[in-house]
Amino acid sequence: QVQLVESGGGLVQAGGSLRLSCAASGATFRINGMAWYRQAPGKQRELVARISSGGSTNYVDSVKGRFTISRDNAKNTAYLQMNSLKPEDTAVYYCGAGNYYLRPDYWGQGTQVTVSS
């Protein structure tokens, strides 16, 4: 099993920044991709960004140019730097891990991000 622990969420004003972290532990040899998803009230969980063990990345269009995903393989930790935040970015953000090309096998508990206007 793989355990994921997120941190870094909070309340920020529009235009501000937050950095999320996701630390993986356990059977980390099972994962080659890490990702951030988010779920707003009444909406489905959506992929925000993902990164492979080799550093390949993919972003949803709505965050391109504002969010940056990165990864420290030695620490089994992924990060999501979020800049120029907008109220529509408000959601619970979940870290996921597994195969880079597939929906994650493992999930964190989620961290709330609230952007006020």
PDB file of N, CA and C in Angstrom:
ATOM      1  N   GLN A   1       0.826  -1.202   0.000  1.00  0.00           N
ATOM      2  CA  GLN A   1       0.000   0.000   0.000  1.00  0.00           C
ATOM      3  C   GLN A   1       0.862   1.253   0.000  1.00  0.00           C
ATOM      4  N   VAL A   2       0.278   2.299  -0.508  1.00  0.00           N
ATOM      5  CA  VAL A   2       0.929   3.608  -0.543  1.00  0.00           C
ATOM      6  C   VAL A   2       0.071   4.583   0.247  1.00  0.00           C
ATOM      7  N   GLN A   3       0.710   5.332   1.107  1.00  0.00           N
ATOM      8  CA  GLN A   3       0.006   6.356   1.873  1.00  0.00           C
ATOM      9  C   GLN A   3       0.421   7.735   1.358  1.00  0.00           C
ATOM     10  N   LEU A   4      -0.561   8.612   1.224  1.00  0.00           N
ATOM     11  CA  LEU A   4      -0.317   9.963   0.738  1.00  0.00           C
ATOM     12  C   LEU A   4      -0.832  10.958   1.766  1.00  0.00           C
ATOM     13  N   VAL A   5      -0.001  11.925   2.097  1.00  0.00           N
ATOM     14  CA  VAL A   5      -0.399  12.948   3.064  1.00  0.00           C
ATOM     15  C   VAL A   5      -0.187  14.323   2.429  1.00  0.00           C
ATOM     16  N   GLU A   6      -1.290  15.068   2.306  1.00  0.00           N
ATOM     17  CA  GLU A   6      -1.232  16.402   1.708  1.00  0.00           C
ATOM     18  C   GLU A   6      -1.110  17.456   2.796  1.00  0.00           C
ATOM     19  N   SER A   7      -0.561  18.590   2.419  1.00  0.00           N
ATOM     20  CA  SER A   7      -0.508  19.745   3.306  1.00  0.00           C
ATOM     21  C   SER A   7      -0.413  21.003   2.459  1.00  0.00           C
ATOM     22  N   GLY A   8      -0.718  22.136   3.075  1.00  0.00           N
ATOM     23  CA  GLY A   8      -0.522  23.410   2.400  1.00  0.00           C
ATOM     24  C   GLY A   8      -1.776  24.135   1.960  1.00  0.00           C
ATOM     25  N   GLY A   9      -2.932  23.562   2.163  1.00  0.00           N
ATOM     26  CA  GLY A   9      -4.151  24.261   1.774  1.00  0.00           C
ATOM     27  C   GLY A   9      -4.446  25.414   2.720  1.00  0.00           C
ATOM     28  N   GLY A  10      -5.479  26.183   2.382  1.00  0.00           N
ATOM     29  CA  GLY A  10      -5.859  27.292   3.239  1.00  0.00           C
ATOM     30  C   GLY A  10      -6.726  28.299   2.531  1.00  0.00           C
ATOM     31  N   LEU A  11      -6.852  29.463   3.147  1.00  0.00           N
ATOM     32  CA  LEU A  11      -7.654  30.559   2.614  1.00  0.00           C
ATOM     33  C   LEU A  11      -6.722  31.640   2.081  1.00  0.00           C
ATOM     34  N   VAL A  12      -6.998  32.092   0.865  1.00  0.00           N
ATOM     35  CA  VAL A  12      -6.160  33.114   0.247  1.00  0.00           C
ATOM     36  C   VAL A  12      -7.048  34.036  -0.580  1.00  0.00           C
ATOM     37  N   GLN A  13      -6.626  35.259  -0.733  1.00  0.00           N
ATOM     38  CA  GLN A  13      -7.369  36.195  -1.568  1.00  0.00           C
ATOM     39  C   GLN A  13      -7.058  35.956  -3.042  1.00  0.00           C
ATOM     40  N   ALA A  14      -7.983  36.346  -3.881  1.00  0.00           N
ATOM     41  CA  ALA A  14      -7.764  36.228  -5.318  1.00  0.00           C
ATOM     42  C   ALA A  14      -6.471  36.938  -5.710  1.00  0.00           C
ATOM     43  N   GLY A  15      -5.710  36.279  -6.572  1.00  0.00           N
ATOM     44  CA  GLY A  15      -4.413  36.804  -6.979  1.00  0.00           C
ATOM     45  C   GLY A  15      -3.267  36.298  -6.143  1.00  0.00           C
ATOM     46  N   GLY A  16      -3.568  35.654  -5.045  1.00  0.00           N
ATOM     47  CA  GLY A  16      -2.547  35.146  -4.152  1.00  0.00           C
ATOM     48  C   GLY A  16      -2.000  33.797  -4.585  1.00  0.00           C
ATOM     49  N   SER A  17      -1.137  33.235  -3.733  1.00  0.00           N
ATOM     50  CA  SER A  17      -0.464  31.973  -4.045  1.00  0.00           C
ATOM     51  C   SER A  17      -0.549  31.008  -2.872  1.00  0.00           C
ATOM     52  N   LEU A  18      -0.514  29.738  -3.208  1.00  0.00           N
ATOM     53  CA  LEU A  18      -0.410  28.670  -2.224  1.00  0.00           C
ATOM     54  C   LEU A  18       0.466  27.576  -2.809  1.00  0.00           C
ATOM     55  N   ARG A  19       1.100  26.817  -1.932  1.00  0.00           N
ATOM     56  CA  ARG A  19       1.890  25.663  -2.362  1.00  0.00           C
ATOM     57  C   ARG A  19       1.407  24.439  -1.612  1.00  0.00           C
ATOM     58  N   LEU A  20       0.971  23.455  -2.359  1.00  0.00           N
ATOM     59  CA  LEU A  20       0.537  22.191  -1.779  1.00  0.00           C
ATOM     60  C   LEU A  20       1.675  21.180  -1.847  1.00  0.00           C
ATOM     61  N   SER A  21       1.734  20.321  -0.840  1.00  0.00           N
ATOM     62  CA  SER A  21       2.712  19.239  -0.811  1.00  0.00           C
ATOM     63  C   SER A  21       2.003  17.916  -0.613  1.00  0.00           C
ATOM     64  N   CYS A  22       2.584  16.869  -1.173  1.00  0.00           N
ATOM     65  CA  CYS A  22       2.043  15.520  -1.032  1.00  0.00           C
ATOM     66  C   CYS A  22       3.197  14.567  -0.810  1.00  0.00           C
ATOM     67  N   ALA A  23       3.261  14.001   0.376  1.00  0.00           N
ATOM     68  CA  ALA A  23       4.332  13.068   0.712  1.00  0.00           C
ATOM     69  C   ALA A  23       3.817  11.649   0.630  1.00  0.00           C
ATOM     70  N   ALA A  24       4.518  10.827  -0.129  1.00  0.00           N
ATOM     71  CA  ALA A  24       4.146   9.424  -0.300  1.00  0.00           C
ATOM     72  C   ALA A  24       5.046   8.550   0.562  1.00  0.00           C
ATOM     73  N   SER A  25       4.447   7.498   1.116  1.00  0.00           N
ATOM     74  CA  SER A  25       5.214   6.539   1.904  1.00  0.00           C
ATOM     75  C   SER A  25       4.650   5.141   1.661  1.00  0.00           C
ATOM     76  N   GLY A  26       5.385   4.139   2.124  1.00  0.00           N
ATOM     77  CA  GLY A  26       4.948   2.764   1.927  1.00  0.00           C
ATOM     78  C   GLY A  26       5.560   2.181   0.665  1.00  0.00           C
ATOM     79  N   ALA A  27       4.750   1.505  -0.117  1.00  0.00           N
ATOM     80  CA  ALA A  27       5.220   0.807  -1.326  1.00  0.00           C
ATOM     81  C   ALA A  27       5.351   1.775  -2.497  1.00  0.00           C
ATOM     82  N   THR A  28       6.212   2.750  -2.354  1.00  0.00           N
ATOM     83  CA  THR A  28       6.324   3.804  -3.370  1.00  0.00           C
ATOM     84  C   THR A  28       6.890   3.294  -4.684  1.00  0.00           C
ATOM     85  N   PHE A  29       7.483   2.107  -4.684  1.00  0.00           N
ATOM     86  CA  PHE A  29       7.982   1.529  -5.929  1.00  0.00           C
ATOM     87  C   PHE A  29       6.829   1.235  -6.890  1.00  0.00           C
ATOM     88  N   ARG A  30       5.603   1.225  -6.373  1.00  0.00           N
ATOM     89  CA  ARG A  30       4.435   0.941  -7.201  1.00  0.00           C
ATOM     90  C   ARG A  30       3.978   2.152  -8.012  1.00  0.00           C
ATOM     91  N   ILE A  31       4.517   3.301  -7.753  1.00  0.00           N
ATOM     92  CA  ILE A  31       4.009   4.494  -8.416  1.00  0.00           C
ATOM     93  C   ILE A  31       5.060   5.106  -9.335  1.00  0.00           C
ATOM     94  N   ASN A  32       4.633   5.542 -10.517  1.00  0.00           N
ATOM     95  CA  ASN A  32       5.528   6.302 -11.382  1.00  0.00           C
ATOM     96  C   ASN A  32       4.917   7.638 -11.758  1.00  0.00           C
ATOM     97  N   GLY A  33       3.682   7.843 -11.342  1.00  0.00           N
ATOM     98  CA  GLY A  33       3.033   9.115 -11.606  1.00  0.00           C
ATOM     99  C   GLY A  33       2.385   9.641 -10.342  1.00  0.00           C
ATOM    100  N   MET A  34       2.446  10.956 -10.187  1.00  0.00           N
ATOM    101  CA  MET A  34       1.741  11.612  -9.099  1.00  0.00           C
ATOM    102  C   MET A  34       0.917  12.739  -9.702  1.00  0.00           C
ATOM    103  N   ALA A  35      -0.192  13.024  -9.078  1.00  0.00           N
ATOM    104  CA  ALA A  35      -1.113  13.983  -9.666  1.00  0.00           C
ATOM    105  C   ALA A  35      -1.863  14.746  -8.588  1.00  0.00           C
ATOM    106  N   TRP A  36      -2.393  15.874  -9.013  1.00  0.00           N
ATOM    107  CA  TRP A  36      -3.303  16.648  -8.180  1.00  0.00           C
ATOM    108  C   TRP A  36      -4.651  16.712  -8.887  1.00  0.00           C
ATOM    109  N   TYR A  37      -5.682  16.394  -8.141  1.00  0.00           N
ATOM    110  CA  TYR A  37      -7.057  16.529  -8.591  1.00  0.00           C
ATOM    111  C   TYR A  37      -7.746  17.525  -7.664  1.00  0.00           C
ATOM    112  N   ARG A  38      -8.894  18.012  -8.105  1.00  0.00           N
ATOM    113  CA  ARG A  38      -9.691  18.871  -7.225  1.00  0.00           C
ATOM    114  C   ARG A  38     -11.167  18.591  -7.438  1.00  0.00           C
ATOM    115  N   GLN A  39     -11.923  18.856  -6.387  1.00  0.00           N
ATOM    116  CA  GLN A  39     -13.368  18.654  -6.446  1.00  0.00           C
ATOM    117  C   GLN A  39     -14.048  19.812  -5.752  1.00  0.00           C
ATOM    118  N   ALA A  40     -14.805  20.569  -6.526  1.00  0.00           N
ATOM    119  CA  ALA A  40     -15.593  21.672  -5.990  1.00  0.00           C
ATOM    120  C   ALA A  40     -16.982  21.148  -5.627  1.00  0.00           C
ATOM    121  N   PRO A  41     -17.681  21.834  -4.740  1.00  0.00           N
ATOM    122  CA  PRO A  41     -19.025  21.383  -4.338  1.00  0.00           C
ATOM    123  C   PRO A  41     -19.946  21.204  -5.532  1.00  0.00           C
ATOM    124  N   GLY A  42     -20.580  20.052  -5.610  1.00  0.00           N
ATOM    125  CA  GLY A  42     -21.521  19.783  -6.687  1.00  0.00           C
ATOM    126  C   GLY A  42     -20.896  19.426  -8.011  1.00  0.00           C
ATOM    127  N   LYS A  43     -19.582  19.293  -8.047  1.00  0.00           N
ATOM    128  CA  LYS A  43     -18.888  18.980  -9.287  1.00  0.00           C
ATOM    129  C   LYS A  43     -18.103  17.695  -9.154  1.00  0.00           C
ATOM    130  N   GLN A  44     -17.746  17.133 -10.307  1.00  0.00           N
ATOM    131  CA  GLN A  44     -16.942  15.923 -10.296  1.00  0.00           C
ATOM    132  C   GLN A  44     -15.473  16.254 -10.014  1.00  0.00           C
ATOM    133  N   ARG A  45     -14.781  15.259  -9.516  1.00  0.00           N
ATOM    134  CA  ARG A  45     -13.351  15.424  -9.291  1.00  0.00           C
ATOM    135  C   ARG A  45     -12.658  15.514 -10.650  1.00  0.00           C
ATOM    136  N   GLU A  46     -11.785  16.508 -10.798  1.00  0.00           N
ATOM    137  CA  GLU A  46     -11.109  16.702 -12.068  1.00  0.00           C
ATOM    138  C   GLU A  46      -9.591  16.725 -11.888  1.00  0.00           C
ATOM    139  N   LEU A  47      -8.908  16.268 -12.924  1.00  0.00           N
ATOM    140  CA  LEU A  47      -7.454  16.314 -12.926  1.00  0.00           C
ATOM    141  C   LEU A  47      -6.990  17.761 -13.075  1.00  0.00           C
ATOM    142  N   VAL A  48      -6.074  18.176 -12.233  1.00  0.00           N
ATOM    143  CA  VAL A  48      -5.493  19.510 -12.328  1.00  0.00           C
ATOM    144  C   VAL A  48      -4.131  19.426 -13.011  1.00  0.00           C
ATOM    145  N   ALA A  49      -3.279  18.542 -12.516  1.00  0.00           N
ATOM    146  CA  ALA A  49      -1.935  18.395 -13.086  1.00  0.00           C
ATOM    147  C   ALA A  49      -1.391  17.034 -12.688  1.00  0.00           C
ATOM    148  N   ARG A  50      -0.478  16.517 -13.507  1.00  0.00           N
ATOM    149  CA  ARG A  50       0.170  15.254 -13.185  1.00  0.00           C
ATOM    150  C   ARG A  50       1.613  15.315 -13.635  1.00  0.00           C
ATOM    151  N   ILE A  51       2.424  14.468 -13.003  1.00  0.00           N
ATOM    152  CA  ILE A  51       3.845  14.441 -13.310  1.00  0.00           C
ATOM    153  C   ILE A  51       4.345  13.007 -13.215  1.00  0.00           C
ATOM    154  N   SER A  52       5.181  12.640 -14.174  1.00  0.00           N
ATOM    155  CA  SER A  52       5.751  11.301 -14.178  1.00  0.00           C
ATOM    156  C   SER A  52       7.050  11.294 -13.387  1.00  0.00           C
ATOM    157  N   SER A  53       7.581  10.100 -13.158  1.00  0.00           N
ATOM    158  CA  SER A  53       8.856   9.995 -12.453  1.00  0.00           C
ATOM    159  C   SER A  53       9.983  10.627 -13.258  1.00  0.00           C
ATOM    160  N   GLY A  54       9.801  10.691 -14.564  1.00  0.00           N
ATOM    161  CA  GLY A  54      10.806  11.316 -15.423  1.00  0.00           C
ATOM    162  C   GLY A  54      10.635  12.807 -15.592  1.00  0.00           C
ATOM    163  N   GLY A  55       9.573  13.362 -15.020  1.00  0.00           N
ATOM    164  CA  GLY A  55       9.375  14.799 -15.075  1.00  0.00           C
ATOM    165  C   GLY A  55       8.404  15.287 -16.129  1.00  0.00           C
ATOM    166  N   SER A  56       7.802  14.395 -16.891  1.00  0.00           N
ATOM    167  CA  SER A  56       6.778  14.820 -17.851  1.00  0.00           C
ATOM    168  C   SER A  56       5.570  15.341 -17.097  1.00  0.00           C
ATOM    169  N   THR A  57       4.979  16.406 -17.618  1.00  0.00           N
ATOM    170  CA  THR A  57       3.849  17.018 -16.938  1.00  0.00           C
ATOM    171  C   THR A  57       2.676  17.231 -17.878  1.00  0.00           C
ATOM    172  N   ASN A  58       1.519  17.377 -17.277  1.00  0.00           N
ATOM    173  CA  ASN A  58       0.289  17.626 -18.013  1.00  0.00           C
ATOM    174  C   ASN A  58      -0.622  18.452 -17.130  1.00  0.00           C
ATOM    175  N   TYR A  59      -1.285  19.469 -17.717  1.00  0.00           N
ATOM    176  CA  TYR A  59      -2.141  20.368 -16.939  1.00  0.00           C
ATOM    177  C   TYR A  59      -3.511  20.501 -17.599  1.00  0.00           C
ATOM    178  N   VAL A  60      -4.515  20.728 -16.788  1.00  0.00           N
ATOM    179  CA  VAL A  60      -5.810  21.101 -17.326  1.00  0.00           C
ATOM    180  C   VAL A  60      -5.686  22.535 -17.848  1.00  0.00           C
ATOM    181  N   ASP A  61      -6.398  22.849 -18.901  1.00  0.00           N
ATOM    182  CA  ASP A  61      -6.243  24.149 -19.553  1.00  0.00           C
ATOM    183  C   ASP A  61      -6.463  25.326 -18.602  1.00  0.00           C
ATOM    184  N   SER A  62      -7.383  25.188 -17.682  1.00  0.00           N
ATOM    185  CA  SER A  62      -7.757  26.310 -16.828  1.00  0.00           C
ATOM    186  C   SER A  62      -6.654  26.756 -15.868  1.00  0.00           C
ATOM    187  N   VAL A  63      -5.621  25.936 -15.684  1.00  0.00           N
ATOM    188  CA  VAL A  63      -4.544  26.302 -14.749  1.00  0.00           C
ATOM    189  C   VAL A  63      -3.212  26.523 -15.445  1.00  0.00           C
ATOM    190  N   LYS A  64      -3.145  26.288 -16.738  1.00  0.00           N
ATOM    191  CA  LYS A  64      -1.888  26.460 -17.471  1.00  0.00           C
ATOM    192  C   LYS A  64      -1.384  27.895 -17.328  1.00  0.00           C
ATOM    193  N   GLY A  65      -0.106  28.014 -17.020  1.00  0.00           N
ATOM    194  CA  GLY A  65       0.491  29.329 -16.837  1.00  0.00           C
ATOM    195  C   GLY A  65       0.363  29.868 -15.427  1.00  0.00           C
ATOM    196  N   ARG A  66      -0.461  29.229 -14.612  1.00  0.00           N
ATOM    197  CA  ARG A  66      -0.645  29.682 -13.212  1.00  0.00           C
ATOM    198  C   ARG A  66      -0.160  28.644 -12.200  1.00  0.00           C
ATOM    199  N   PHE A  67      -0.350  27.383 -12.499  1.00  0.00           N
ATOM    200  CA  PHE A  67       0.041  26.313 -11.576  1.00  0.00           C
ATOM    201  C   PHE A  67       1.260  25.579 -12.127  1.00  0.00           C
ATOM    202  N   THR A  68       2.098  25.109 -11.211  1.00  0.00           N
ATOM    203  CA  THR A  68       3.264  24.317 -11.598  1.00  0.00           C
ATOM    204  C   THR A  68       3.360  23.103 -10.691  1.00  0.00           C
ATOM    205  N   ILE A  69       3.404  21.929 -11.297  1.00  0.00           N
ATOM    206  CA  ILE A  69       3.598  20.704 -10.542  1.00  0.00           C
ATOM    207  C   ILE A  69       5.068  20.320 -10.610  1.00  0.00           C
ATOM    208  N   SER A  70       5.582  19.840  -9.493  1.00  0.00           N
ATOM    209  CA  SER A  70       6.970  19.390  -9.448  1.00  0.00           C
ATOM    210  C   SER A  70       7.057  18.184  -8.528  1.00  0.00           C
ATOM    211  N   ARG A  71       8.223  17.582  -8.536  1.00  0.00           N
ATOM    212  CA  ARG A  71       8.362  16.327  -7.791  1.00  0.00           C
ATOM    213  C   ARG A  71       9.798  16.160  -7.341  1.00  0.00           C
ATOM    214  N   ASP A  72       9.963  15.698  -6.108  1.00  0.00           N
ATOM    215  CA  ASP A  72      11.263  15.331  -5.567  1.00  0.00           C
ATOM    216  C   ASP A  72      11.240  13.825  -5.382  1.00  0.00           C
ATOM    217  N   ASN A  73      11.825  13.099  -6.326  1.00  0.00           N
ATOM    218  CA  ASN A  73      11.761  11.636  -6.272  1.00  0.00           C
ATOM    219  C   ASN A  73      12.485  11.070  -5.056  1.00  0.00           C
ATOM    220  N   ALA A  74      13.540  11.720  -4.628  1.00  0.00           N
ATOM    221  CA  ALA A  74      14.285  11.234  -3.464  1.00  0.00           C
ATOM    222  C   ALA A  74      13.436  11.299  -2.201  1.00  0.00           C
ATOM    223  N   LYS A  75      12.540  12.270  -2.152  1.00  0.00           N
ATOM    224  CA  LYS A  75      11.675  12.434  -0.978  1.00  0.00           C
ATOM    225  C   LYS A  75      10.280  11.863  -1.215  1.00  0.00           C
ATOM    226  N   ASN A  76      10.048  11.331  -2.411  1.00  0.00           N
ATOM    227  CA  ASN A  76       8.719  10.814  -2.751  1.00  0.00           C
ATOM    228  C   ASN A  76       7.639  11.850  -2.467  1.00  0.00           C
ATOM    229  N   THR A  77       7.918  13.062  -2.855  1.00  0.00           N
ATOM    230  CA  THR A  77       7.016  14.174  -2.573  1.00  0.00           C
ATOM    231  C   THR A  77       6.714  14.949  -3.852  1.00  0.00           C
ATOM    232  N   ALA A  78       5.449  15.278  -4.028  1.00  0.00           N
ATOM    233  CA  ALA A  78       5.019  16.109  -5.146  1.00  0.00           C
ATOM    234  C   ALA A  78       4.515  17.437  -4.606  1.00  0.00           C
ATOM    235  N   TYR A  79       4.656  18.454  -5.435  1.00  0.00           N
ATOM    236  CA  TYR A  79       4.245  19.795  -5.032  1.00  0.00           C
ATOM    237  C   TYR A  79       3.344  20.391  -6.106  1.00  0.00           C
ATOM    238  N   LEU A  80       2.487  21.304  -5.671  1.00  0.00           N
ATOM    239  CA  LEU A  80       1.688  22.080  -6.625  1.00  0.00           C
ATOM    240  C   LEU A  80       1.783  23.540  -6.212  1.00  0.00           C
ATOM    241  N   GLN A  81       2.524  24.300  -6.985  1.00  0.00           N
ATOM    242  CA  GLN A  81       2.627  25.732  -6.758  1.00  0.00           C
ATOM    243  C   GLN A  81       1.494  26.407  -7.512  1.00  0.00           C
ATOM    244  N   MET A  82       0.666  27.117  -6.789  1.00  0.00           N
ATOM    245  CA  MET A  82      -0.516  27.751  -7.373  1.00  0.00           C
ATOM    246  C   MET A  82      -0.388  29.268  -7.248  1.00  0.00           C
ATOM    247  N   ASN A  83      -0.287  29.925  -8.371  1.00  0.00           N
ATOM    248  CA  ASN A  83      -0.173  31.383  -8.403  1.00  0.00           C
ATOM    249  C   ASN A  83      -1.397  31.983  -9.081  1.00  0.00           C
ATOM    250  N   SER A  84      -1.582  33.267  -8.895  1.00  0.00           N
ATOM    251  CA  SER A  84      -2.706  33.989  -9.516  1.00  0.00           C
ATOM    252  C   SER A  84      -4.022  33.259  -9.285  1.00  0.00           C
ATOM    253  N   LEU A  85      -4.241  32.884  -8.059  1.00  0.00           N
ATOM    254  CA  LEU A  85      -5.430  32.095  -7.743  1.00  0.00           C
ATOM    255  C   LEU A  85      -6.708  32.884  -7.990  1.00  0.00           C
ATOM    256  N   LYS A  86      -7.736  32.147  -8.404  1.00  0.00           N
ATOM    257  CA  LYS A  86      -9.039  32.721  -8.706  1.00  0.00           C
ATOM    258  C   LYS A  86     -10.096  32.061  -7.822  1.00  0.00           C
ATOM    259  N   PRO A  87     -11.208  32.735  -7.584  1.00  0.00           N
ATOM    260  CA  PRO A  87     -12.267  32.108  -6.783  1.00  0.00           C
ATOM    261  C   PRO A  87     -12.716  30.756  -7.336  1.00  0.00           C
ATOM    262  N   GLU A  88     -12.672  30.597  -8.651  1.00  0.00           N
ATOM    263  CA  GLU A  88     -13.096  29.326  -9.235  1.00  0.00           C
ATOM    264  C   GLU A  88     -12.097  28.199  -8.989  1.00  0.00           C
ATOM    265  N   ASP A  89     -10.948  28.506  -8.399  1.00  0.00           N
ATOM    266  CA  ASP A  89     -10.006  27.465  -7.999  1.00  0.00           C
ATOM    267  C   ASP A  89     -10.380  26.855  -6.646  1.00  0.00           C
ATOM    268  N   THR A  90     -11.369  27.430  -5.991  1.00  0.00           N
ATOM    269  CA  THR A  90     -11.807  26.915  -4.695  1.00  0.00           C
ATOM    270  C   THR A  90     -12.302  25.478  -4.828  1.00  0.00           C
ATOM    271  N   ALA A  91     -11.738  24.596  -4.019  1.00  0.00           N
ATOM    272  CA  ALA A  91     -12.076  23.172  -4.083  1.00  0.00           C
ATOM    273  C   ALA A  91     -11.293  22.428  -3.008  1.00  0.00           C
ATOM    274  N   VAL A  92     -11.644  21.169  -2.837  1.00  0.00           N
ATOM    275  CA  VAL A  92     -10.782  20.260  -2.079  1.00  0.00           C
ATOM    276  C   VAL A  92      -9.792  19.662  -3.071  1.00  0.00           C
ATOM    277  N   TYR A  93      -8.520  19.785  -2.771  1.00  0.00           N
ATOM    278  CA  TYR A  93      -7.466  19.282  -3.643  1.00  0.00           C
ATOM    279  C   TYR A  93      -6.968  17.948  -3.098  1.00  0.00           C
ATOM    280  N   TYR A  94      -6.920  16.969  -3.988  1.00  0.00           N
ATOM    281  CA  TYR A  94      -6.495  15.614  -3.621  1.00  0.00           C
ATOM    282  C   TYR A  94      -5.215  15.249  -4.358  1.00  0.00           C
ATOM    283  N   CYS A  95      -4.320  14.650  -3.648  1.00  0.00           N
ATOM    284  CA  CYS A  95      -3.127  14.068  -4.261  1.00  0.00           C
ATOM    285  C   CYS A  95      -3.440  12.635  -4.650  1.00  0.00           C
ATOM    286  N   GLY A  96      -2.986  12.241  -5.828  1.00  0.00           N
ATOM    287  CA  GLY A  96      -3.162  10.875  -6.286  1.00  0.00           C
ATOM    288  C   GLY A  96      -1.838  10.316  -6.772  1.00  0.00           C
ATOM    289  N   ALA A  97      -1.708   8.995  -6.731  1.00  0.00           N
ATOM    290  CA  ALA A  97      -0.475   8.364  -7.191  1.00  0.00           C
ATOM    291  C   ALA A  97      -0.789   7.011  -7.794  1.00  0.00           C
ATOM    292  N   GLY A  98       0.044   6.635  -8.782  1.00  0.00           N
ATOM    293  CA  GLY A  98      -0.140   5.359  -9.451  1.00  0.00           C
ATOM    294  C   GLY A  98       0.563   5.367 -10.783  1.00  0.00           C
ATOM    295  N   ASN A  99      -0.127   4.866 -11.806  1.00  0.00           N
ATOM    296  CA  ASN A  99       0.405   4.907 -13.161  1.00  0.00           C
ATOM    297  C   ASN A  99       0.142   6.291 -13.740  1.00  0.00           C
ATOM    298  N   TYR A 100       1.141   6.885 -14.343  1.00  0.00           N
ATOM    299  CA  TYR A 100       1.028   8.249 -14.848  1.00  0.00           C
ATOM    300  C   TYR A 100      -0.137   8.407 -15.823  1.00  0.00           C
ATOM    301  N   TYR A 101      -0.410   7.369 -16.613  1.00  0.00           N
ATOM    302  CA  TYR A 101      -1.405   7.495 -17.674  1.00  0.00           C
ATOM    303  C   TYR A 101      -2.825   7.119 -17.232  1.00  0.00           C
ATOM    304  N   LEU A 102      -2.961   6.620 -16.025  1.00  0.00           N
ATOM    305  CA  LEU A 102      -4.255   6.127 -15.563  1.00  0.00           C
ATOM    306  C   LEU A 102      -4.744   6.910 -14.350  1.00  0.00           C
ATOM    307  N   ARG A 103      -5.995   6.732 -14.020  1.00  0.00           N
ATOM    308  CA  ARG A 103      -6.531   7.328 -12.804  1.00  0.00           C
ATOM    309  C   ARG A 103      -5.774   6.738 -11.612  1.00  0.00           C
ATOM    310  N   PRO A 104      -5.451   7.557 -10.621  1.00  0.00           N
ATOM    311  CA  PRO A 104      -4.627   7.066  -9.502  1.00  0.00           C
ATOM    312  C   PRO A 104      -5.219   5.862  -8.771  1.00  0.00           C
ATOM    313  N   ASP A 105      -4.314   5.027  -8.289  1.00  0.00           N
ATOM    314  CA  ASP A 105      -4.702   3.901  -7.442  1.00  0.00           C
ATOM    315  C   ASP A 105      -4.793   4.309  -5.979  1.00  0.00           C
ATOM    316  N   TYR A 106      -4.050   5.331  -5.622  1.00  0.00           N
ATOM    317  CA  TYR A 106      -3.949   5.752  -4.236  1.00  0.00           C
ATOM    318  C   TYR A 106      -4.300   7.235  -4.131  1.00  0.00           C
ATOM    319  N   TRP A 107      -4.965   7.574  -3.022  1.00  0.00           N
ATOM    320  CA  TRP A 107      -5.431   8.950  -2.818  1.00  0.00           C
ATOM    321  C   TRP A 107      -5.075   9.444  -1.421  1.00  0.00           C
ATOM    322  N   GLY A 108      -4.818  10.741  -1.343  1.00  0.00           N
ATOM    323  CA  GLY A 108      -4.680  11.372  -0.057  1.00  0.00           C
ATOM    324  C   GLY A 108      -6.044  11.758   0.500  1.00  0.00           C
ATOM    325  N   GLN A 109      -6.041  12.373   1.668  1.00  0.00           N
ATOM    326  CA  GLN A 109      -7.295  12.697   2.344  1.00  0.00           C
ATOM    327  C   GLN A 109      -7.907  13.999   1.846  1.00  0.00           C
ATOM    328  N   GLY A 110      -7.135  14.785   1.118  1.00  0.00           N
ATOM    329  CA  GLY A 110      -7.634  16.045   0.573  1.00  0.00           C
ATOM    330  C   GLY A 110      -7.291  17.221   1.463  1.00  0.00           C
ATOM    331  N   THR A 111      -7.116  18.370   0.843  1.00  0.00           N
ATOM    332  CA  THR A 111      -6.850  19.602   1.565  1.00  0.00           C
ATOM    333  C   THR A 111      -7.678  20.721   0.935  1.00  0.00           C
ATOM    334  N   GLN A 112      -8.313  21.521   1.772  1.00  0.00           N
ATOM    335  CA  GLN A 112      -9.214  22.563   1.282  1.00  0.00           C
ATOM    336  C   GLN A 112      -8.425  23.788   0.831  1.00  0.00           C
ATOM    337  N   VAL A 113      -8.757  24.265  -0.354  1.00  0.00           N
ATOM    338  CA  VAL A 113      -8.232  25.538  -0.863  1.00  0.00           C
ATOM    339  C   VAL A 113      -9.428  26.450  -1.110  1.00  0.00           C
ATOM    340  N   THR A 114      -9.420  27.600  -0.467  1.00  0.00           N
ATOM    341  CA  THR A 114     -10.496  28.572  -0.627  1.00  0.00           C
ATOM    342  C   THR A 114      -9.905  29.901  -1.078  1.00  0.00           C
ATOM    343  N   VAL A 115     -10.427  30.397  -2.191  1.00  0.00           N
ATOM    344  CA  VAL A 115      -9.953  31.664  -2.747  1.00  0.00           C
ATOM    345  C   VAL A 115     -11.089  32.669  -2.659  1.00  0.00           C
ATOM    346  N   SER A 116     -10.869  33.720  -1.907  1.00  0.00           N
ATOM    347  CA  SER A 116     -11.906  34.740  -1.734  1.00  0.00           C
ATOM    348  C   SER A 116     -11.739  35.846  -2.776  1.00  0.00           C
ATOM    349  N   SER A 117     -12.855  36.420  -3.164  1.00  0.00           N
ATOM    350  CA  SER A 117     -12.820  37.480  -4.187  1.00  0.00           C
ATOM    351  C   SER A 117     -12.665  38.859  -3.566  1.00  0.00           C
TER     352      SER A 117
END
